Structure formats: C-alpha cells, structure tokens
Protein backbone atom coordinates (compact mmCIF):
# COMPACT_ATOMS: atom_id res chain seq x y z
CA PRO A 1 -60.20 55.82 40.67
CA THR A 2 -60.12 52.39 39.47
CA PRO A 3 -58.06 51.18 36.05
CA ALA A 4 -60.21 50.26 33.09
CA SER A 5 -59.35 48.01 30.29
CA LEU A 6 -60.93 48.40 26.51
CA SER A 7 -61.32 45.70 23.95
CA VAL A 8 -59.99 47.04 20.40
CA THR A 9 -61.00 44.99 17.39
CA ALA A 10 -59.31 45.75 14.07
CA THR A 11 -58.39 44.17 10.93
CA CYS A 12 -55.11 45.83 10.40
CA GLU A 13 -51.92 42.89 10.39
CA PRO A 14 -48.67 43.85 12.00
CA ARG A 15 -46.26 41.91 10.22
CA HIS A 16 -44.55 40.92 13.24
CA ARG A 17 -45.30 40.39 16.93
CA PRO A 18 -44.48 43.81 18.89
CA ARG A 19 -41.93 43.10 21.47
CA LEU A 20 -43.00 44.58 25.03
CA GLY A 21 -41.75 48.23 25.33
CA GLY A 22 -41.00 48.35 21.57
CA GLU A 23 -42.50 50.66 18.76
CA PRO A 24 -45.72 49.02 17.17
CA PRO A 25 -45.59 48.41 13.57
CA LEU A 26 -49.11 50.14 12.47
CA SER A 27 -50.97 52.72 14.57
CA CYS A 28 -53.85 50.74 15.15
CA VAL A 29 -53.47 50.96 18.98
CA VAL A 30 -54.07 53.76 21.74
CA PRO A 31 -50.61 54.50 23.95
CA VAL A 32 -51.34 53.88 27.57
CA ARG A 33 -49.67 55.74 30.48
CA SER A 34 -47.36 54.41 32.65
CA PRO A 35 -47.39 54.50 36.53
CA PRO A 36 -49.78 57.15 37.64
CA GLY A 37 -48.14 60.49 39.28
CA GLY A 38 -51.02 60.56 41.43
CA ALA A 39 -50.32 57.09 43.02
CA GLN A 40 -47.56 56.32 45.27
CA GLY A 41 -45.42 53.05 44.95
CA GLY A 42 -44.49 50.96 48.13
CA GLY A 43 -41.31 49.57 46.71
CA GLU A 44 -38.15 51.45 45.79
CA MET A 45 -36.38 51.38 42.62
CA ASN A 46 -33.34 49.22 42.59
CA ALA A 47 -30.45 51.17 41.72
CA ALA A 48 -29.27 48.56 39.19
CA ALA A 49 -32.23 49.20 36.93
CA SER A 50 -30.55 51.93 35.06
CA SER A 51 -28.30 49.13 33.76
CA TYR A 52 -30.40 47.11 32.51
CA PRO A 53 -33.47 47.61 29.54
CA MET A 54 -36.69 48.33 31.26
CA ALA A 55 -39.42 45.59 31.12
CA SER A 56 -42.20 46.44 32.86
CA LEU A 57 -45.65 44.65 33.84
CA TYR A 58 -49.03 45.96 34.75
CA VAL A 59 -50.84 43.45 37.13
CA GLY A 60 -54.10 43.83 38.55
CA ASP A 61 -57.29 42.55 40.07
CA LEU A 62 -55.32 42.64 43.18
CA TYR A 63 -56.47 42.31 46.93
CA SER A 64 -56.00 45.46 48.72
CA ASP A 65 -53.48 43.56 51.03
CA VAL A 66 -51.33 41.96 48.96
CA THR A 67 -47.92 43.34 49.36
CA GLU A 68 -44.35 43.85 47.05
CA ALA A 69 -43.05 40.82 49.10
CA MET A 70 -46.05 38.10 47.83
CA LEU A 71 -45.55 39.67 44.28
CA ASN A 72 -41.91 39.12 44.37
CA GLU A 73 -42.17 35.61 45.41
CA LYS A 74 -44.76 35.10 42.76
CA PHE A 75 -43.03 36.58 39.82
CA SER A 76 -39.29 35.76 40.64
CA PRO A 77 -39.40 32.24 39.18
CA ALA A 78 -39.71 33.80 35.96
CA GLY A 79 -36.85 35.91 35.99
CA PRO A 80 -34.76 38.38 37.86
CA VAL A 81 -36.98 41.05 39.32
CA LEU A 82 -35.58 44.88 39.62
CA SER A 83 -38.38 46.55 41.15
CA ILE A 84 -42.00 46.40 42.36
CA TRP A 85 -44.18 49.03 42.72
CA VAL A 86 -47.46 48.53 44.35
CA CYS A 87 -49.79 51.36 44.03
CA HIS A 88 -51.56 53.38 46.57
CA ASP A 89 -54.30 56.24 46.60
CA MET A 90 -52.18 59.67 47.64
CA LEU A 91 -54.58 60.80 50.56
CA THR A 92 -55.70 57.32 52.09
CA HIS A 93 -52.74 55.26 51.05
CA HIS A 94 -55.15 52.03 50.55
CA SER A 95 -53.89 50.23 47.67
CA LEU A 96 -55.46 50.66 44.25
CA GLY A 97 -55.35 47.02 43.40
CA TYR A 98 -52.94 46.78 40.92
CA ALA A 99 -49.01 47.06 40.70
CA TYR A 100 -45.99 47.50 38.18
CA ILE A 101 -43.12 44.65 38.02
CA ASN A 102 -39.66 45.40 36.57
CA PHE A 103 -37.59 42.77 35.19
CA GLN A 104 -34.14 42.85 34.06
CA GLN A 105 -34.80 41.58 30.79
CA THR A 106 -37.53 41.99 28.59
CA ALA A 107 -37.39 38.12 27.93
CA PHE A 108 -38.54 37.65 31.34
CA ALA A 109 -41.29 39.99 31.43
CA GLU A 110 -42.60 37.97 28.13
CA ARG A 111 -42.36 34.56 30.18
CA ALA A 112 -44.35 35.99 33.05
CA LEU A 113 -47.18 37.86 30.86
CA ASP A 114 -47.58 34.25 28.77
CA THR A 115 -47.28 31.88 31.53
CA MET A 116 -48.43 33.99 34.62
CA ASN A 117 -51.60 35.62 33.53
CA PHE A 118 -54.80 34.88 35.14
CA ASP A 119 -53.07 32.66 38.25
CA VAL A 120 -54.27 33.15 41.10
CA ILE A 121 -53.04 35.30 44.28
CA LYS A 122 -54.89 34.71 47.40
CA GLY A 123 -57.66 32.98 45.71
CA LYS A 124 -58.46 35.89 42.95
CA PRO A 125 -57.16 35.72 39.51
CA ILE A 126 -54.74 38.39 38.73
CA HIS A 127 -54.71 40.22 35.40
CA ILE A 128 -51.08 40.93 33.66
CA MET A 129 -50.67 43.22 30.91
CA ASP A 130 -47.96 45.30 29.16
CA PRO A 131 -48.33 49.02 30.45
CA SER A 132 -45.75 50.80 28.24
CA LEU A 133 -48.18 50.86 24.92
CA ARG A 134 -50.76 47.84 24.65
CA LYS A 135 -51.24 44.20 24.23
CA VAL A 136 -51.55 42.87 20.80
CA VAL A 137 -53.36 39.76 20.69
CA CYS A 138 -50.93 37.01 18.33
CA ASP A 139 -50.85 33.47 17.22
CA GLU A 140 -48.02 32.02 15.20
CA ASN A 141 -49.28 33.54 11.87
CA GLY A 142 -49.35 37.14 13.48
CA SER A 143 -51.55 39.89 14.70
CA LYS A 144 -55.46 37.96 15.33
CA SER A 145 -56.60 41.80 14.70
CA TYR A 146 -57.77 42.78 18.15
CA ALA A 147 -55.71 44.32 21.05
CA PHE A 148 -56.39 45.56 25.03
CA VAL A 149 -55.36 48.93 26.22
CA HIS A 150 -55.40 49.70 30.01
CA PHE A 151 -56.21 53.02 31.37
CA GLU A 152 -55.58 54.87 34.62
CA THR A 153 -59.37 55.97 35.23
CA GLN A 154 -62.86 54.40 33.58
CA GLU A 155 -63.55 58.18 32.72
CA ALA A 156 -60.47 57.93 30.42
CA ALA A 157 -61.56 54.87 29.07
CA ASP A 158 -65.22 55.99 28.51
CA LYS A 159 -63.79 58.79 26.51
CA VAL A 160 -61.93 56.80 24.16
CA ILE A 161 -64.67 54.54 23.54
CA GLU A 162 -66.99 57.49 22.69
CA ARG A 163 -64.51 59.07 20.35
CA MET A 164 -62.84 56.15 18.72
CA ASN A 165 -65.84 53.50 18.67
CA GLY A 166 -66.63 53.13 14.81
CA MET A 167 -63.84 55.11 13.56
CA LEU A 168 -62.20 54.05 10.37
CA LEU A 169 -58.15 52.84 10.56
CA ASN A 170 -56.62 51.83 7.71
CA ASP A 171 -59.83 51.31 5.87
CA ARG A 172 -60.92 49.44 8.26
CA ARG A 173 -63.91 50.08 10.91
CA VAL A 174 -62.71 49.19 14.42
CA PHE A 175 -64.83 48.30 17.67
CA VAL A 176 -63.80 49.88 20.65
CA GLY A 177 -65.53 48.93 23.74
CA ARG A 178 -65.01 47.88 27.61
CA PHE A 179 -63.15 44.53 28.31
CA LYS A 180 -65.28 41.65 29.09
CA TYR A 181 -64.43 38.44 30.47
CA ARG A 182 -65.87 35.53 28.55
CA LYS A 183 -68.32 34.49 31.38
CA GLU A 184 -69.83 38.47 30.95
CA TRP A 185 -70.69 38.15 27.06
CA GLU A 186 -71.62 34.59 27.46
CA ALA A 187 -74.12 35.87 30.22
CA GLU A 188 -75.06 38.75 28.39
CA LEU A 189 -75.86 36.84 24.95
CA GLY A 190 -77.29 33.69 26.77
CA ALA A 191 -77.83 30.83 24.30
CA LYS A 192 -76.36 32.69 21.26
CA ALA A 193 -72.77 32.60 22.60
CA LYS A 194 -72.99 29.06 22.15
CA GLU A 195 -74.26 28.69 18.76
CA PHE A 196 -72.18 27.36 16.09
CA THR A 197 -72.19 26.81 12.26
CA ASN A 198 -69.24 25.10 11.41
CA VAL A 199 -68.51 21.33 11.64
CA TYR A 200 -65.97 19.02 12.26
CA ILE A 201 -65.82 15.54 10.92
CA LYS A 202 -63.05 13.05 11.14
CA ASN A 203 -62.25 9.28 10.85
CA PHE A 204 -63.24 8.87 7.37
CA GLY A 205 -61.42 7.15 4.27
CA GLU A 206 -59.56 8.60 1.66
CA GLU A 207 -62.32 8.03 -1.03
CA VAL A 208 -64.00 11.08 0.56
CA ASP A 209 -63.46 14.16 -1.15
CA ASP A 210 -65.20 17.37 -1.36
CA GLU A 211 -67.91 16.89 -3.52
CA SER A 212 -68.80 13.60 -1.42
CA LEU A 213 -68.32 15.22 1.79
CA LYS A 214 -71.16 18.08 0.58
CA GLU A 215 -73.71 15.49 -0.87
CA LEU A 216 -73.74 13.86 2.48
CA PHE A 217 -74.01 17.00 4.83
CA SER A 218 -76.04 19.41 2.54
CA GLN A 219 -79.32 17.29 3.57
CA PHE A 220 -79.30 19.10 7.15
CA GLY A 221 -79.32 22.57 5.37
CA LYS A 222 -77.61 24.87 3.26
CA THR A 223 -73.59 24.44 3.23
CA LEU A 224 -71.58 27.40 2.67
CA SER A 225 -67.97 25.78 2.24
CA VAL A 226 -67.17 22.05 2.56
CA LYS A 227 -63.23 21.17 2.84
CA VAL A 228 -61.60 17.73 3.41
CA MET A 229 -57.94 18.48 4.48
CA ARG A 230 -55.02 17.05 2.89
CA ASP A 231 -51.23 16.94 3.12
CA PRO A 232 -48.85 18.54 0.47
CA SER A 233 -48.72 15.37 -1.54
CA GLY A 234 -52.66 15.47 -1.49
CA LYS A 235 -53.37 13.00 0.73
CA SER A 236 -56.75 13.00 2.72
CA LYS A 237 -56.13 13.33 6.42
CA GLY A 238 -59.03 11.62 7.45
CA PHE A 239 -61.18 14.83 8.88
CA GLY A 240 -62.54 17.94 7.23
CA PHE A 241 -65.05 20.83 7.77
CA VAL A 242 -68.40 21.92 7.04
CA SER A 243 -69.78 25.51 7.29
CA TYR A 244 -73.74 25.95 7.51
CA LYS A 245 -75.26 29.19 7.16
CA LYS A 246 -77.74 28.22 10.09
CA HIS A 247 -76.79 27.00 13.80
CA LYS A 248 -79.93 24.87 13.41
CA ASP A 249 -78.71 22.78 10.77
CA SER A 250 -75.32 22.39 11.79
CA ASN A 251 -76.68 21.06 15.22
CA LYS A 252 -78.90 18.83 13.63
CA ALA A 253 -75.86 17.39 11.41
CA VAL A 254 -74.05 16.63 14.71
CA GLU A 255 -76.96 14.70 16.25
CA GLU A 256 -77.76 12.67 13.30
CA MET A 257 -74.35 12.14 11.98
CA ASN A 258 -72.10 11.76 14.58
CA GLY A 259 -71.28 7.84 15.37
CA LYS A 260 -72.73 6.83 11.58
CA GLU A 261 -70.55 4.54 9.80
CA ILE A 262 -69.28 5.40 6.39
CA SER A 263 -67.29 2.85 4.13
CA GLY A 264 -66.80 0.60 7.22
CA LYS A 265 -65.63 3.35 9.62
CA VAL A 266 -67.68 5.34 12.34
CA ILE A 267 -67.01 9.01 12.16
CA PHE A 268 -66.87 11.54 14.49
CA VAL A 269 -68.94 14.70 13.95
CA GLY A 270 -69.03 17.67 16.44
CA HIS A 271 -68.54 21.38 16.69
CA ALA A 272 -65.44 22.83 15.03
CA GLN A 273 -63.45 24.52 17.97
CA LYS A 274 -61.09 27.42 17.87
CA LYS A 275 -57.55 26.27 18.94
CA ALA A 276 -58.11 28.46 22.28
CA GLU A 277 -61.52 26.59 22.77
CA ARG A 278 -59.97 23.49 22.65
CA GLN A 279 -57.25 24.11 24.95
CA ALA A 280 -59.96 25.82 27.37
CA ASP A 281 -61.81 22.42 27.13
CA SER A 282 -58.92 19.96 27.36
CA ALA A 283 -58.96 20.25 31.33
CA LYS A 284 -61.57 21.43 33.47
CA VAL A 285 -61.95 21.59 37.18
CA THR A 286 -65.43 21.02 38.32
CA LEU A 287 -66.75 23.54 40.46
CA GLU A 288 -69.68 24.75 42.63
CA ASP A 289 -70.56 27.88 43.23
CA GLY A 290 -66.98 29.07 42.28
CA ARG A 291 -65.34 27.08 44.39
CA SER A 292 -63.45 23.68 43.52
CA LYS A 293 -64.94 20.65 44.03
CA GLY A 294 -61.65 18.91 44.42
CA PHE A 295 -61.41 17.15 41.36
CA ALA A 296 -61.30 17.62 37.40
CA PHE A 297 -61.18 16.12 33.75
CA VAL A 298 -58.21 16.29 31.75
CA CYS A 299 -58.79 15.51 27.96
CA PHE A 300 -55.71 13.65 26.07
CA SER A 301 -55.29 13.28 21.97
CA SER A 302 -54.52 9.65 22.36
CA PRO A 303 -55.33 6.55 24.57
CA GLU A 304 -51.61 6.35 25.08
CA GLU A 305 -51.03 9.59 26.46
CA ALA A 306 -53.87 9.16 28.98
CA THR A 307 -52.55 5.90 29.98
CA LYS A 308 -48.96 7.54 30.84
CA ALA A 309 -50.28 10.29 32.51
CA VAL A 310 -52.04 7.65 35.14
CA THR A 311 -48.80 5.91 35.59
CA GLU A 312 -46.86 8.69 36.00
CA MET A 313 -49.12 11.29 38.03
CA ASN A 314 -51.34 8.52 40.41
CA GLY A 315 -49.93 9.04 43.89
CA ARG A 316 -48.09 12.31 43.03
CA ILE A 317 -48.26 14.76 45.83
CA MET A 318 -49.70 18.19 44.77
CA GLY A 319 -50.52 20.63 47.46
CA PHE A 320 -49.51 18.19 50.52
CA LYS A 321 -52.11 15.60 49.33
CA PRO A 322 -51.76 12.43 47.18
CA LEU A 323 -53.48 12.65 43.70
CA TYR A 324 -55.78 10.23 42.43
CA VAL A 325 -55.64 9.83 38.74
CA ALA A 326 -57.86 7.16 36.63
CA LEU A 327 -59.30 6.83 33.37
CA ALA A 328 -62.72 8.81 33.21
CA GLN A 329 -65.63 6.47 33.23
CA ARG A 330 -69.33 7.82 32.01
CA LYS A 331 -71.95 7.47 34.63
CA GLU A 332 -73.55 4.04 33.38
CA GLU A 333 -69.80 2.49 33.07
CA ARG A 334 -69.53 3.17 36.81
CA LYS A 335 -72.58 2.12 37.73
CA ALA A 336 -72.00 -1.18 35.69
CA GLN A 337 -68.81 -1.32 37.81
CA LEU A 338 -70.33 -0.91 40.98
CA THR A 339 -72.79 -3.13 40.59
CA ASN A 340 -70.49 -6.10 39.31
CA GLN A 341 -68.47 -5.60 42.44
CA TYR A 342 -71.40 -5.42 44.65
CA MET A 343 -72.84 -8.67 42.96
CA GLN A 344 -69.04 -10.57 43.58
CA ARG A 345 -69.42 -9.55 47.50
CA VAL A 346 -72.70 -11.11 47.80
CA ALA A 347 -71.59 -14.32 46.00
CA ARG A 348 -68.51 -14.67 48.02
CA LEU A 349 -70.76 -14.08 51.12
CA ARG A 350 -73.23 -16.80 50.05
CA ALA A 351 -70.04 -19.29 49.40
CA VAL A 352 -69.39 -18.86 52.86
CA PRO A 353 -71.43 -21.94 55.34
CA ALA A 354 -73.70 -19.71 57.71
CA ASN A 355 -72.21 -21.53 60.63
CA ALA A 356 -68.82 -20.36 59.99
CA ILE A 357 -70.31 -16.70 60.13
CA LEU A 358 -72.27 -17.41 63.23
CA ASN A 359 -69.22 -18.63 64.74
CA HIS A 360 -66.85 -15.48 63.64
CA PHE A 361 -69.30 -13.12 65.38
CA GLN A 362 -69.80 -15.00 68.41
CA GLN A 363 -65.95 -15.23 68.62
CA LEU A 364 -65.88 -11.57 68.19
CA GLY A 365 -68.71 -10.98 70.87
CA ALA A 366 -66.45 -12.95 73.13
CA THR A 367 -63.62 -11.16 72.78
CA LEU A 368 -65.34 -7.67 73.23
CA CYS A 369 -66.86 -8.84 76.40
CA GLN A 370 -63.42 -9.76 77.73
CA GLN A 371 -62.08 -6.52 77.20
CA LEU A 372 -64.82 -4.74 78.41
CA HIS A 373 -64.27 -6.55 81.96
CA ARG A 374 -60.60 -5.75 82.24
CA PRO A 375 -59.61 -3.05 85.01
CA ARG A 376 -60.21 0.44 83.81
CA GLU A 377 -55.88 1.02 83.19
CA ASP A 378 -56.03 -1.73 80.90
CA LEU A 379 -59.09 -1.15 78.54
CA ARG A 380 -58.07 -0.96 75.09
CA ILE A 381 -60.67 -1.47 72.08
CA THR A 382 -59.10 -1.75 68.39
C-alpha cells in the first residue's frame, strides 16, 4: 500500500505555531501513525538516539532505488542525523517509496522541512512532512487555517474523508479532501483557477486617497473594497488595492489602467498576488515537456539588486558550467539590438575597399594550397 496525504482546511486559529513533535494547541487536526509495523526499515537505530530528543521527518515520493546513504548525504547539511529508515514491503522487500529520518534536535528537522521540501533526488521532487501528528501551515501571523495529514494507506485516508469532510470543529465547518498539487487543481479548474478579483495599484501620488481611487476604478464595475495603504503616521505609501465583485471587471481595469498617467505619474495596475504567489513567480526555470531548457528568469524588486546579481553571478560556476547572467530583454528589444549589430557589421564591411577583401582571400587560398601540397606527415590545417 502507498501512503496518502489529505488536505484539511478549517478556520481554527492556534495561538502559536506547533513545534515538530509537540502537542497541538487545538484539536483541529487528525493524528497520523508513526512508521508502520508492517514495514521494514533498512537503517539501524543509532544507540545514541536515546540521549537526544527525537525529531523525525517523513520523506516521500522517493524512487525505489533511493538508499539510506543517499538520504544521509542529502539531509546531513541540515544537521546531525541519528538514523534513517527507508520503508520496505515485508514480503517483497521492495521500497515503498518513503522513509523516516531522525535528527539529533528538533531545530535540525525544522530546518530540513523549511529548506528542503520538494528538493529533487534523482530527478524527482521529494515530499517532506512531520510524521508525529500533522503539518499545520503557518505564516508570521500564525495558522493559515489549513493543514496536511499523512496516512499509511489510501484506504485510511478515504475513510477520514468520508467521516470528517463537512464536520463542525469549534463551530467551523471543515473541508477534508485528497491532497493535490497546484498543477492538479489548476488543470481541473482550467481558466477559473487563474481568475482574480483583487487589483494592485502602485506609483500614485500622496494626493490619492480611498475616495479618489474608488472614483477612478468604479468605472469598470462594482467594487467591494478600496484601500490606499498608509504608514503609521498616516502618510500614503503610494500603492493600494481595489477588490471587484467579478473577475471580468478586475481584468478590464488592469487592461485599461496599467501604464496610465495620474497627476504626472505613470501607475502600475496588475493582479494582486499573495506572498506565496509572488515568491513563486519571482524565479522561473523555463521548461519543455517537464524538462529544463537550461535558462531561467529572476525578478528583483529594484534595478540596483538586478545589477548587483549580474555583476556577482555572471561567470560563476554552477554544476561544472559557467553561468551567463544578464539583464532580461523583451523580444522586441533583442530583435532591435541584433538588427543594430548586423547593420554595424555590414557598415564596417562596406567601409573596407573591395581590393583589400579580394587580396585577403587570395592570400588565404595561396596559404591553404601550400599546406595541402606538403608531405603527409607535415599536414596541419588550423
């Protein structure tokens, strides 16, 4: 049987982020079992384990030939590893595609969970979770009101979905369903997954307030809220948000207002993204049929940061290859630059007298003939 993951969404708000292996502040998650008794571990438990607090991680989506040695090499940079347990089927002894890793300290496990989740081993992204109880997703403000629970078998996960989906927890109705990657639900929802109703506006002057911003953007459709962001002293930060009732209205506002001038300033109007979306979009590796094409784009918050990255990273060796790093150009800009370079070459050639070009090729031909008529052992053409 293969392990299965659930997505649990609720609106309960723990007062602090639960630590790995600690007790949850609220009972809004479902416990998950430790390494199954029917699975055999390939690694032996270190004798020193008993003298340290246990901090375990589940590592899934592994190829069947991934070994404890490979996992130790991968995870040891996060901190000292006490033991690694690759789970195998009791009858066939084949790998079940997941493992448990025990660190000396909880902090090392947390570091691995925060920095290595979805890293690639042998060309396949791995999935890391806390096997002790749950993974409640949090940000700097606390719980984000959803969590993930991992089960030993798909049957166990299906039972929980059947019994708990739609239940009330702390007077809140929860959704419990099969865990899906972003690409899965985007494929299911199609174009709807990319629809948005919140618009981000920046680069306007201090004279723009909530009322004037609402008046400006209400022409595109019904707005639910309009907000100019301000600092603690009440001074405008020069950006704000408009929320529309319908996606088509927000899309129209972006299309018609982006790049428009307000009080002598050109404003930017675009889809208001969450922090995770902005981080995901800030660096993109270009793929073809799921494989890297060998180049990528990184977006910085300022031209100074981009220039510094070009200066420090261009020519740096990565994976035995020197990187080429330069400022990204639009297709039209690249085309204009290449056209300009071509015209400069043509102009230089035209500036050279025809006789000089002819003499150059005649001399080259004479040299080549001399090379070809030399004895065989002396033949060398460069």
